Protein backbone atom coordinates (compact mmCIF):
# COMPACT_ATOMS: atom_id res chain seq x y z
CA UNK A 1 80.89 -22.16 116.73
CA UNK A 2 83.93 -24.18 117.58
CA UNK A 3 86.38 -23.42 120.33
CA UNK A 4 88.87 -22.14 117.77
CA UNK A 5 86.35 -19.65 116.43
CA UNK A 6 85.58 -18.37 119.92
CA UNK A 7 89.29 -18.00 120.59
CA UNK A 8 89.78 -16.10 117.33
CA UNK A 9 86.81 -13.83 118.14
CA UNK A 10 88.22 -13.14 121.63
CA UNK A 11 91.63 -12.26 120.18
CA UNK A 12 89.95 -10.00 117.61
CA UNK A 13 88.01 -8.16 120.33
CA UNK A 14 91.14 -7.70 122.48
CA UNK A 15 93.09 -6.50 119.44
CA UNK A 16 90.35 -3.97 118.59
CA UNK A 17 90.28 -2.66 122.17
CA UNK A 18 94.09 -2.28 122.26
CA UNK A 19 94.06 -0.58 118.86
CA UNK A 20 91.35 1.87 119.99
CA UNK A 21 93.32 2.60 123.19
CA UNK A 22 96.48 3.30 121.20
CA UNK A 23 94.55 5.59 118.85
CA UNK A 24 93.14 7.59 121.76
CA UNK A 25 96.55 7.89 123.44
CA UNK A 26 98.12 8.94 120.12
CA UNK A 27 95.55 11.67 119.61
CA UNK A 28 96.13 12.96 123.14
CA UNK A 29 99.89 12.97 122.54
CA UNK A 30 99.47 15.04 119.38
CA UNK A 31 97.24 17.51 121.22
CA UNK A 32 99.70 17.81 124.12
CA UNK A 33 102.63 18.37 121.76
CA UNK A 34 100.69 21.14 120.02
CA UNK A 35 99.82 22.78 123.36
CA UNK A 36 103.41 22.59 124.60
CA UNK A 37 104.55 24.20 121.36
CA UNK A 38 102.06 27.01 121.82
CA UNK A 39 103.15 27.54 125.42
CA UNK A 40 106.83 27.59 124.43
CA UNK A 41 106.08 30.09 121.65
CA UNK A 42 104.14 32.34 124.04
CA UNK A 43 106.93 32.14 126.63
CA UNK A 44 109.53 33.05 124.00
CA UNK A 45 107.46 36.04 122.86
CA UNK A 46 106.89 37.23 126.42
CA UNK A 47 110.45 36.97 127.70
CA UNK A 48 113.03 36.45 124.96
CA UNK A 49 116.16 34.58 126.00
CA UNK A 50 119.20 36.77 126.61
CA UNK A 51 121.94 36.73 124.01
CA UNK A 52 124.71 34.18 124.40
CA UNK A 53 127.26 35.14 127.03
CA UNK A 54 125.22 37.96 128.55
CA UNK A 55 122.93 37.35 131.45
CA UNK A 56 120.55 39.94 132.77
CA UNK A 57 120.34 40.21 136.53
CA UNK A 58 116.83 40.44 137.91
CA UNK A 59 115.74 43.94 138.82
CA UNK A 60 115.69 44.55 142.56
CA UNK A 61 114.34 47.30 144.71
CA UNK A 62 116.52 48.91 147.33
CA UNK A 63 115.13 48.66 150.83
CA UNK A 64 116.40 50.81 153.67
CA UNK A 65 117.49 48.99 156.80
CA UNK A 66 117.13 50.51 160.27
């Protein structure tokens, strides 16, 4: 093999490694987006946002002093 062929092979290997890395990161990003969507949906079902302009004060217990 000539030096040019070795150089081309090295570039091809580096390109394949970078492409595989990007594929793995992309798959993880898709999974994380799906999980965040599920968490947001569960949070919305558990505690729906108050209507616009009305805020609900948190419930508090009265505690006697003295």
